[in-house]
Amino acid sequence: MSIELSRRALVGTTTDLSSFSQEDKARALELSAYFTVPAMEPQHQTLALFTAMNFANKNKQLSSALGFANALIERGTNARFKETVSHDFLNPITT
């Protein structure tokens, strides 16, 4: 939990990091990714992966977002999250 608390202390509840320095952006994204590593209950792991995926996607870190999406599909336990990932990240709608 100290990882997530450190990220929140750095950026608060915002998901848009455009107003932060490059160093703070990198650290916030790094902390978000680190939070997916520790062994947790499957439901908590799913939530950590989903949060990291959305955080990376909103900050244009698309390769990281795809990595989290794949991990979520592979290990996720929540059907709604899996459906969202499959629809939005793995099979994007082209216009």
PDB file of N, CA and C in Angstrom:
ATOM      1  N   MET A   1       0.822  -1.196   0.000  1.00  0.00           N
ATOM      2  CA  MET A   1       0.000   0.000   0.000  1.00  0.00           C
ATOM      3  C   MET A   1       0.861   1.252   0.000  1.00  0.00           C
ATOM      4  N   SER A   2       2.082   1.152   0.516  1.00  0.00           N
ATOM      5  CA  SER A   2       2.935   2.336   0.549  1.00  0.00           C
ATOM      6  C   SER A   2       3.264   2.829  -0.858  1.00  0.00           C
ATOM      7  N   ILE A   3       3.298   1.925  -1.833  1.00  0.00           N
ATOM      8  CA  ILE A   3       3.547   2.327  -3.223  1.00  0.00           C
ATOM      9  C   ILE A   3       2.415   3.220  -3.715  1.00  0.00           C
ATOM     10  N   GLU A   4       1.186   2.770  -3.530  1.00  0.00           N
ATOM     11  CA  GLU A   4       0.029   3.548  -3.987  1.00  0.00           C
ATOM     12  C   GLU A   4      -0.098   4.847  -3.209  1.00  0.00           C
ATOM     13  N   LEU A   5       0.177   4.821  -1.927  1.00  0.00           N
ATOM     14  CA  LEU A   5       0.116   6.050  -1.134  1.00  0.00           C
ATOM     15  C   LEU A   5       1.175   7.048  -1.588  1.00  0.00           C
ATOM     16  N   SER A   6       2.334   6.573  -1.984  1.00  0.00           N
ATOM     17  CA  SER A   6       3.378   7.462  -2.512  1.00  0.00           C
ATOM     18  C   SER A   6       2.944   8.092  -3.827  1.00  0.00           C
ATOM     19  N   ARG A   7       2.301   7.288  -4.686  1.00  0.00           N
ATOM     20  CA  ARG A   7       1.820   7.835  -5.967  1.00  0.00           C
ATOM     21  C   ARG A   7       0.764   8.900  -5.725  1.00  0.00           C
ATOM     22  N   ARG A   8      -0.161   8.617  -4.818  1.00  0.00           N
ATOM     23  CA  ARG A   8      -1.212   9.588  -4.523  1.00  0.00           C
ATOM     24  C   ARG A   8      -0.671  10.846  -3.872  1.00  0.00           C
ATOM     25  N   ALA A   9       0.374  10.719  -3.058  1.00  0.00           N
ATOM     26  CA  ALA A   9       0.998  11.902  -2.454  1.00  0.00           C
ATOM     27  C   ALA A   9       1.658  12.769  -3.521  1.00  0.00           C
ATOM     28  N   LEU A  10       2.156  12.125  -4.569  1.00  0.00           N
ATOM     29  CA  LEU A  10       2.833  12.832  -5.645  1.00  0.00           C
ATOM     30  C   LEU A  10       1.861  13.571  -6.559  1.00  0.00           C
ATOM     31  N   VAL A  11       0.771  12.892  -6.983  1.00  0.00           N
ATOM     32  CA  VAL A  11      -0.135  13.488  -7.976  1.00  0.00           C
ATOM     33  C   VAL A  11      -1.563  13.666  -7.482  1.00  0.00           C
ATOM     34  N   GLY A  12      -1.870  13.222  -6.291  1.00  0.00           N
ATOM     35  CA  GLY A  12      -3.240  13.331  -5.793  1.00  0.00           C
ATOM     36  C   GLY A  12      -4.143  12.348  -6.507  1.00  0.00           C
ATOM     37  N   THR A  13      -5.359  12.758  -6.771  1.00  0.00           N
ATOM     38  CA  THR A  13      -6.322  11.868  -7.418  1.00  0.00           C
ATOM     39  C   THR A  13      -6.418  12.097  -8.920  1.00  0.00           C
ATOM     40  N   THR A  14      -5.632  13.027  -9.450  1.00  0.00           N
ATOM     41  CA  THR A  14      -5.694  13.323 -10.874  1.00  0.00           C
ATOM     42  C   THR A  14      -5.118  12.180 -11.705  1.00  0.00           C
ATOM     43  N   THR A  15      -5.681  11.980 -12.880  1.00  0.00           N
ATOM     44  CA  THR A  15      -5.148  10.982 -13.801  1.00  0.00           C
ATOM     45  C   THR A  15      -4.452  11.640 -14.983  1.00  0.00           C
ATOM     46  N   ASP A  16      -4.640  12.949 -15.159  1.00  0.00           N
ATOM     47  CA  ASP A  16      -3.995  13.692 -16.241  1.00  0.00           C
ATOM     48  C   ASP A  16      -2.723  14.329 -15.700  1.00  0.00           C
ATOM     49  N   LEU A  17      -1.601  13.892 -16.196  1.00  0.00           N
ATOM     50  CA  LEU A  17      -0.322  14.365 -15.695  1.00  0.00           C
ATOM     51  C   LEU A  17       0.305  15.454 -16.553  1.00  0.00           C
ATOM     52  N   SER A  18      -0.455  16.045 -17.468  1.00  0.00           N
ATOM     53  CA  SER A  18       0.109  17.017 -18.404  1.00  0.00           C
ATOM     54  C   SER A  18       0.675  18.259 -17.712  1.00  0.00           C
ATOM     55  N   SER A  19       0.174  18.606 -16.548  1.00  0.00           N
ATOM     56  CA  SER A  19       0.654  19.804 -15.861  1.00  0.00           C
ATOM     57  C   SER A  19       1.831  19.525 -14.925  1.00  0.00           C
ATOM     58  N   PHE A  20       2.274  18.288 -14.837  1.00  0.00           N
ATOM     59  CA  PHE A  20       3.371  17.915 -13.948  1.00  0.00           C
ATOM     60  C   PHE A  20       4.697  17.912 -14.707  1.00  0.00           C
ATOM     61  N   SER A  21       5.786  17.997 -13.966  1.00  0.00           N
ATOM     62  CA  SER A  21       7.113  17.940 -14.585  1.00  0.00           C
ATOM     63  C   SER A  21       7.353  16.536 -15.143  1.00  0.00           C
ATOM     64  N   GLN A  22       8.311  16.431 -16.054  1.00  0.00           N
ATOM     65  CA  GLN A  22       8.635  15.132 -16.648  1.00  0.00           C
ATOM     66  C   GLN A  22       9.061  14.139 -15.576  1.00  0.00           C
ATOM     67  N   GLU A  23       9.801  14.614 -14.599  1.00  0.00           N
ATOM     68  CA  GLU A  23      10.269  13.748 -13.517  1.00  0.00           C
ATOM     69  C   GLU A  23       9.089  13.215 -12.693  1.00  0.00           C
ATOM     70  N   ASP A  24       8.132  14.079 -12.372  1.00  0.00           N
ATOM     71  CA  ASP A  24       6.963  13.657 -11.600  1.00  0.00           C
ATOM     72  C   ASP A  24       6.066  12.716 -12.406  1.00  0.00           C
ATOM     73  N   LYS A  25       5.937  12.989 -13.721  1.00  0.00           N
ATOM     74  CA  LYS A  25       5.159  12.097 -14.581  1.00  0.00           C
ATOM     75  C   LYS A  25       5.761  10.695 -14.583  1.00  0.00           C
ATOM     76  N   ALA A  26       7.064  10.646 -14.809  1.00  0.00           N
ATOM     77  CA  ALA A  26       7.745   9.354 -14.875  1.00  0.00           C
ATOM     78  C   ALA A  26       7.615   8.611 -13.549  1.00  0.00           C
ATOM     79  N   ARG A  27       7.778   9.311 -12.443  1.00  0.00           N
ATOM     80  CA  ARG A  27       7.690   8.665 -11.134  1.00  0.00           C
ATOM     81  C   ARG A  27       6.282   8.148 -10.867  1.00  0.00           C
ATOM     82  N   ALA A  28       5.250   8.944 -11.212  1.00  0.00           N
ATOM     83  CA  ALA A  28       3.865   8.522 -10.987  1.00  0.00           C
ATOM     84  C   ALA A  28       3.531   7.288 -11.816  1.00  0.00           C
ATOM     85  N   LEU A  29       3.960   7.265 -13.068  1.00  0.00           N
ATOM     86  CA  LEU A  29       3.712   6.100 -13.917  1.00  0.00           C
ATOM     87  C   LEU A  29       4.499   4.890 -13.424  1.00  0.00           C
ATOM     88  N   GLU A  30       5.708   5.126 -12.957  1.00  0.00           N
ATOM     89  CA  GLU A  30       6.523   4.046 -12.406  1.00  0.00           C
ATOM     90  C   GLU A  30       5.879   3.444 -11.154  1.00  0.00           C
ATOM     91  N   LEU A  31       5.392   4.285 -10.264  1.00  0.00           N
ATOM     92  CA  LEU A  31       4.734   3.802  -9.050  1.00  0.00           C
ATOM     93  C   LEU A  31       3.457   3.033  -9.382  1.00  0.00           C
ATOM     94  N   SER A  32       2.730   3.515 -10.376  1.00  0.00           N
ATOM     95  CA  SER A  32       1.515   2.822 -10.802  1.00  0.00           C
ATOM     96  C   SER A  32       1.843   1.424 -11.306  1.00  0.00           C
ATOM     97  N   ALA A  33       2.932   1.308 -12.061  1.00  0.00           N
ATOM     98  CA  ALA A  33       3.353   0.000 -12.571  1.00  0.00           C
ATOM     99  C   ALA A  33       3.859  -0.895 -11.444  1.00  0.00           C
ATOM    100  N   TYR A  34       4.630  -0.334 -10.527  1.00  0.00           N
ATOM    101  CA  TYR A  34       5.144  -1.126  -9.401  1.00  0.00           C
ATOM    102  C   TYR A  34       4.021  -1.697  -8.547  1.00  0.00           C
ATOM    103  N   PHE A  35       2.921  -0.973  -8.464  1.00  0.00           N
ATOM    104  CA  PHE A  35       1.813  -1.434  -7.623  1.00  0.00           C
ATOM    105  C   PHE A  35       1.163  -2.704  -8.165  1.00  0.00           C
ATOM    106  N   THR A  36       1.410  -3.047  -9.422  1.00  0.00           N
ATOM    107  CA  THR A  36       0.838  -4.265  -9.997  1.00  0.00           C
ATOM    108  C   THR A  36       1.691  -5.499  -9.700  1.00  0.00           C
ATOM    109  N   VAL A  37       2.895  -5.317  -9.159  1.00  0.00           N
ATOM    110  CA  VAL A  37       3.839  -6.419  -8.966  1.00  0.00           C
ATOM    111  C   VAL A  37       3.590  -7.244  -7.701  1.00  0.00           C
ATOM    112  N   PRO A  38       3.352  -6.637  -6.532  1.00  0.00           N
ATOM    113  CA  PRO A  38       3.238  -7.449  -5.304  1.00  0.00           C
ATOM    114  C   PRO A  38       2.128  -8.495  -5.378  1.00  0.00           C
ATOM    115  N   ALA A  39       2.346  -9.589  -4.671  1.00  0.00           N
ATOM    116  CA  ALA A  39       1.328 -10.636  -4.591  1.00  0.00           C
ATOM    117  C   ALA A  39       0.159 -10.124  -3.756  1.00  0.00           C
ATOM    118  N   MET A  40      -1.022 -10.165  -4.341  1.00  0.00           N
ATOM    119  CA  MET A  40      -2.237  -9.709  -3.675  1.00  0.00           C
ATOM    120  C   MET A  40      -3.344 -10.707  -3.961  1.00  0.00           C
ATOM    121  N   GLU A  41      -4.453 -10.501  -3.301  1.00  0.00           N
ATOM    122  CA  GLU A  41      -5.648 -11.278  -3.626  1.00  0.00           C
ATOM    123  C   GLU A  41      -5.967 -11.047  -5.107  1.00  0.00           C
ATOM    124  N   PRO A  42      -6.510 -12.038  -5.808  1.00  0.00           N
ATOM    125  CA  PRO A  42      -6.794 -11.883  -7.239  1.00  0.00           C
ATOM    126  C   PRO A  42      -7.668 -10.664  -7.570  1.00  0.00           C
ATOM    127  N   GLN A  43      -8.645 -10.365  -6.733  1.00  0.00           N
ATOM    128  CA  GLN A  43      -9.509  -9.215  -6.997  1.00  0.00           C
ATOM    129  C   GLN A  43      -8.717  -7.908  -6.915  1.00  0.00           C
ATOM    130  N   HIS A  44      -7.809  -7.826  -5.961  1.00  0.00           N
ATOM    131  CA  HIS A  44      -7.003  -6.626  -5.802  1.00  0.00           C
ATOM    132  C   HIS A  44      -5.982  -6.499  -6.927  1.00  0.00           C
ATOM    133  N   GLN A  45      -5.443  -7.618  -7.356  1.00  0.00           N
ATOM    134  CA  GLN A  45      -4.510  -7.622  -8.486  1.00  0.00           C
ATOM    135  C   GLN A  45      -5.207  -7.116  -9.740  1.00  0.00           C
ATOM    136  N   THR A  46      -6.444  -7.573  -9.953  1.00  0.00           N
ATOM    137  CA  THR A  46      -7.218  -7.129 -11.105  1.00  0.00           C
ATOM    138  C   THR A  46      -7.446  -5.620 -11.062  1.00  0.00           C
ATOM    139  N   LEU A  47      -7.812  -5.109  -9.913  1.00  0.00           N
ATOM    140  CA  LEU A  47      -8.049  -3.676  -9.774  1.00  0.00           C
ATOM    141  C   LEU A  47      -6.762  -2.877  -9.983  1.00  0.00           C
ATOM    142  N   ALA A  48      -5.649  -3.357  -9.467  1.00  0.00           N
ATOM    143  CA  ALA A  48      -4.362  -2.672  -9.651  1.00  0.00           C
ATOM    144  C   ALA A  48      -3.981  -2.634 -11.131  1.00  0.00           C
ATOM    145  N   LEU A  49      -4.156  -3.740 -11.828  1.00  0.00           N
ATOM    146  CA  LEU A  49      -3.848  -3.789 -13.263  1.00  0.00           C
ATOM    147  C   LEU A  49      -4.765  -2.871 -14.064  1.00  0.00           C
ATOM    148  N   PHE A  50      -6.053  -2.871 -13.737  1.00  0.00           N
ATOM    149  CA  PHE A  50      -7.013  -2.036 -14.457  1.00  0.00           C
ATOM    150  C   PHE A  50      -6.696  -0.560 -14.236  1.00  0.00           C
ATOM    151  N   THR A  51      -6.369  -0.195 -13.005  1.00  0.00           N
ATOM    152  CA  THR A  51      -6.037   1.190 -12.691  1.00  0.00           C
ATOM    153  C   THR A  51      -4.752   1.618 -13.406  1.00  0.00           C
ATOM    154  N   ALA A  52      -3.731   0.777 -13.374  1.00  0.00           N
ATOM    155  CA  ALA A  52      -2.469   1.090 -14.047  1.00  0.00           C
ATOM    156  C   ALA A  52      -2.673   1.203 -15.554  1.00  0.00           C
ATOM    157  N   MET A  53      -3.499   0.334 -16.119  1.00  0.00           N
ATOM    158  CA  MET A  53      -3.786   0.374 -17.549  1.00  0.00           C
ATOM    159  C   MET A  53      -4.441   1.696 -17.938  1.00  0.00           C
ATOM    160  N   ASN A  54      -5.459   2.097 -17.198  1.00  0.00           N
ATOM    161  CA  ASN A  54      -6.143   3.350 -17.499  1.00  0.00           C
ATOM    162  C   ASN A  54      -5.232   4.556 -17.290  1.00  0.00           C
ATOM    163  N   PHE A  55      -4.439   4.528 -16.227  1.00  0.00           N
ATOM    164  CA  PHE A  55      -3.515   5.620 -15.922  1.00  0.00           C
ATOM    165  C   PHE A  55      -2.493   5.773 -17.047  1.00  0.00           C
ATOM    166  N   ALA A  56      -1.923   4.665 -17.509  1.00  0.00           N
ATOM    167  CA  ALA A  56      -0.951   4.702 -18.605  1.00  0.00           C
ATOM    168  C   ALA A  56      -1.610   5.157 -19.902  1.00  0.00           C
ATOM    169  N   ASN A  57      -2.805   4.678 -20.172  1.00  0.00           N
ATOM    170  CA  ASN A  57      -3.511   5.054 -21.398  1.00  0.00           C
ATOM    171  C   ASN A  57      -3.824   6.546 -21.425  1.00  0.00           C
ATOM    172  N   LYS A  58      -4.304   7.093 -20.329  1.00  0.00           N
ATOM    173  CA  LYS A  58      -4.649   8.517 -20.274  1.00  0.00           C
ATOM    174  C   LYS A  58      -3.425   9.405 -20.408  1.00  0.00           C
ATOM    175  N   ASN A  59      -2.250   8.859 -20.134  1.00  0.00           N
ATOM    176  CA  ASN A  59      -1.023   9.631 -20.229  1.00  0.00           C
ATOM    177  C   ASN A  59      -0.165   9.223 -21.415  1.00  0.00           C
ATOM    178  N   LYS A  60      -0.818   8.625 -22.409  1.00  0.00           N
ATOM    179  CA  LYS A  60      -0.227   8.283 -23.697  1.00  0.00           C
ATOM    180  C   LYS A  60       0.988   7.359 -23.598  1.00  0.00           C
ATOM    181  N   GLN A  61       0.957   6.465 -22.633  1.00  0.00           N
ATOM    182  CA  GLN A  61       1.976   5.427 -22.499  1.00  0.00           C
ATOM    183  C   GLN A  61       1.350   4.131 -23.016  1.00  0.00           C
ATOM    184  N   LEU A  62       1.142   4.084 -24.329  1.00  0.00           N
ATOM    185  CA  LEU A  62       0.322   3.035 -24.927  1.00  0.00           C
ATOM    186  C   LEU A  62       0.930   1.644 -24.833  1.00  0.00           C
ATOM    187  N   SER A  63       2.243   1.528 -24.936  1.00  0.00           N
ATOM    188  CA  SER A  63       2.825   0.189 -24.823  1.00  0.00           C
ATOM    189  C   SER A  63       2.664  -0.347 -23.399  1.00  0.00           C
ATOM    190  N   SER A  64       2.792   0.527 -22.406  1.00  0.00           N
ATOM    191  CA  SER A  64       2.560   0.102 -21.023  1.00  0.00           C
ATOM    192  C   SER A  64       1.102  -0.276 -20.817  1.00  0.00           C
ATOM    193  N   ALA A  65       0.199   0.536 -21.369  1.00  0.00           N
ATOM    194  CA  ALA A  65      -1.230   0.255 -21.236  1.00  0.00           C
ATOM    195  C   ALA A  65      -1.568  -1.098 -21.860  1.00  0.00           C
ATOM    196  N   LEU A  66      -0.978  -1.399 -23.004  1.00  0.00           N
ATOM    197  CA  LEU A  66      -1.223  -2.690 -23.655  1.00  0.00           C
ATOM    198  C   LEU A  66      -0.670  -3.841 -22.820  1.00  0.00           C
ATOM    199  N   GLY A  67       0.488  -3.649 -22.226  1.00  0.00           N
ATOM    200  CA  GLY A  67       1.061  -4.677 -21.357  1.00  0.00           C
ATOM    201  C   GLY A  67       0.162  -4.971 -20.165  1.00  0.00           C
ATOM    202  N   PHE A  68      -0.380  -3.908 -19.551  1.00  0.00           N
ATOM    203  CA  PHE A  68      -1.300  -4.098 -18.428  1.00  0.00           C
ATOM    204  C   PHE A  68      -2.597  -4.755 -18.904  1.00  0.00           C
ATOM    205  N   ALA A  69      -3.059  -4.388 -20.098  1.00  0.00           N
ATOM    206  CA  ALA A  69      -4.280  -4.983 -20.644  1.00  0.00           C
ATOM    207  C   ALA A  69      -4.097  -6.484 -20.860  1.00  0.00           C
ATOM    208  N   ASN A  70      -2.962  -6.858 -21.417  1.00  0.00           N
ATOM    209  CA  ASN A  70      -2.687  -8.289 -21.627  1.00  0.00           C
ATOM    210  C   ASN A  70      -2.593  -9.041 -20.303  1.00  0.00           C
ATOM    211  N   ALA A  71      -1.940  -8.428 -19.323  1.00  0.00           N
ATOM    212  CA  ALA A  71      -1.842  -9.071 -18.004  1.00  0.00           C
ATOM    213  C   ALA A  71      -3.214  -9.195 -17.364  1.00  0.00           C
ATOM    214  N   LEU A  72      -4.051  -8.199 -17.573  1.00  0.00           N
ATOM    215  CA  LEU A  72      -5.405  -8.235 -17.014  1.00  0.00           C
ATOM    216  C   LEU A  72      -6.221  -9.351 -17.647  1.00  0.00           C
ATOM    217  N   ILE A  73      -6.095  -9.516 -18.937  1.00  0.00           N
ATOM    218  CA  ILE A  73      -6.801 -10.600 -19.624  1.00  0.00           C
ATOM    219  C   ILE A  73      -6.288 -11.948 -19.118  1.00  0.00           C
ATOM    220  N   GLU A  74      -4.989 -12.059 -18.966  1.00  0.00           N
ATOM    221  CA  GLU A  74      -4.370 -13.318 -18.551  1.00  0.00           C
ATOM    222  C   GLU A  74      -4.713 -13.696 -17.108  1.00  0.00           C
ATOM    223  N   ARG A  75      -4.677 -12.705 -16.195  1.00  0.00           N
ATOM    224  CA  ARG A  75      -4.844 -12.999 -14.772  1.00  0.00           C
ATOM    225  C   ARG A  75      -6.123 -12.469 -14.166  1.00  0.00           C
ATOM    226  N   GLY A  76      -6.845 -11.647 -14.899  1.00  0.00           N
ATOM    227  CA  GLY A  76      -8.002 -10.972 -14.337  1.00  0.00           C
ATOM    228  C   GLY A  76      -9.107 -11.916 -13.902  1.00  0.00           C
ATOM    229  N   THR A  77      -9.844 -11.478 -12.896  1.00  0.00           N
ATOM    230  CA  THR A  77     -10.935 -12.291 -12.381  1.00  0.00           C
ATOM    231  C   THR A  77     -12.295 -11.638 -12.608  1.00  0.00           C
ATOM    232  N   ASN A  78     -12.309 -10.387 -12.999  1.00  0.00           N
ATOM    233  CA  ASN A  78     -13.556  -9.658 -13.157  1.00  0.00           C
ATOM    234  C   ASN A  78     -13.958  -9.651 -14.631  1.00  0.00           C
ATOM    235  N   ALA A  79     -15.091 -10.227 -14.942  1.00  0.00           N
ATOM    236  CA  ALA A  79     -15.545 -10.344 -16.327  1.00  0.00           C
ATOM    237  C   ALA A  79     -15.774  -8.976 -16.973  1.00  0.00           C
ATOM    238  N   ARG A  80     -16.262  -8.008 -16.207  1.00  0.00           N
ATOM    239  CA  ARG A  80     -16.518  -6.670 -16.755  1.00  0.00           C
ATOM    240  C   ARG A  80     -15.201  -6.012 -17.167  1.00  0.00           C
ATOM    241  N   PHE A  81     -14.164  -6.143 -16.345  1.00  0.00           N
ATOM    242  CA  PHE A  81     -12.859  -5.589 -16.691  1.00  0.00           C
ATOM    243  C   PHE A  81     -12.313  -6.261 -17.938  1.00  0.00           C
ATOM    244  N   LYS A  82     -12.419  -7.585 -17.998  1.00  0.00           N
ATOM    245  CA  LYS A  82     -11.922  -8.318 -19.159  1.00  0.00           C
ATOM    246  C   LYS A  82     -12.632  -7.874 -20.433  1.00  0.00           C
ATOM    247  N   GLU A  83     -13.939  -7.683 -20.347  1.00  0.00           N
ATOM    248  CA  GLU A  83     -14.703  -7.245 -21.519  1.00  0.00           C
ATOM    249  C   GLU A  83     -14.278  -5.845 -21.954  1.00  0.00           C
ATOM    250  N   THR A  84     -14.088  -4.950 -21.005  1.00  0.00           N
ATOM    251  CA  THR A  84     -13.655  -3.584 -21.313  1.00  0.00           C
ATOM    252  C   THR A  84     -12.293  -3.596 -21.986  1.00  0.00           C
ATOM    253  N   VAL A  85     -11.383  -4.380 -21.454  1.00  0.00           N
ATOM    254  CA  VAL A  85     -10.037  -4.472 -22.014  1.00  0.00           C
ATOM    255  C   VAL A  85     -10.085  -5.043 -23.418  1.00  0.00           C
ATOM    256  N   SER A  86     -10.797  -6.121 -23.599  1.00  0.00           N
ATOM    257  CA  SER A  86     -10.881  -6.751 -24.914  1.00  0.00           C
ATOM    258  C   SER A  86     -11.468  -5.806 -25.937  1.00  0.00           C
ATOM    259  N   HIS A  87     -12.478  -5.082 -25.544  1.00  0.00           N
ATOM    260  CA  HIS A  87     -13.160  -4.184 -26.471  1.00  0.00           C
ATOM    261  C   HIS A  87     -12.342  -2.934 -26.759  1.00  0.00           C
ATOM    262  N   ASP A  88     -11.813  -2.275 -25.720  1.00  0.00           N
ATOM    263  CA  ASP A  88     -11.173  -0.983 -25.882  1.00  0.00           C
ATOM    264  C   ASP A  88      -9.698  -1.036 -26.264  1.00  0.00           C
ATOM    265  N   PHE A  89      -8.978  -2.089 -25.856  1.00  0.00           N
ATOM    266  CA  PHE A  89      -7.542  -2.111 -26.074  1.00  0.00           C
ATOM    267  C   PHE A  89      -7.097  -3.129 -27.098  1.00  0.00           C
ATOM    268  N   LEU A  90      -7.697  -4.286 -27.090  1.00  0.00           N
ATOM    269  CA  LEU A  90      -7.214  -5.338 -27.970  1.00  0.00           C
ATOM    270  C   LEU A  90      -7.920  -5.366 -29.318  1.00  0.00           C
ATOM    271  N   ASN A  91      -9.138  -4.827 -29.390  1.00  0.00           N
ATOM    272  CA  ASN A  91      -9.884  -4.763 -30.642  1.00  0.00           C
ATOM    273  C   ASN A  91     -10.432  -3.351 -30.823  1.00  0.00           C
ATOM    274  N   PRO A  92      -9.559  -2.346 -30.986  1.00  0.00           N
ATOM    275  CA  PRO A  92     -10.058  -0.964 -31.086  1.00  0.00           C
ATOM    276  C   PRO A  92     -10.878  -0.760 -32.348  1.00  0.00           C
ATOM    277  N   ILE A  93     -11.844   0.111 -32.237  1.00  0.00           N
ATOM    278  CA  ILE A  93     -12.704   0.461 -33.375  1.00  0.00           C
ATOM    279  C   ILE A  93     -11.983   1.507 -34.214  1.00  0.00           C
ATOM    280  N   THR A  94     -11.832   1.255 -35.470  1.00  0.00           N
ATOM    281  CA  THR A  94     -11.199   2.220 -36.360  1.00  0.00           C
ATOM    282  C   THR A  94     -12.268   2.950 -37.135  1.00  0.00           C
ATOM    283  N   THR A  95     -12.071   4.249 -37.291  1.00  0.00           N
ATOM    284  CA  THR A  95     -13.031   5.062 -38.044  1.00  0.00           C
ATOM    285  C   THR A  95     -12.393   5.679 -39.233  1.00  0.00           C
TER     286      THR A  95
END
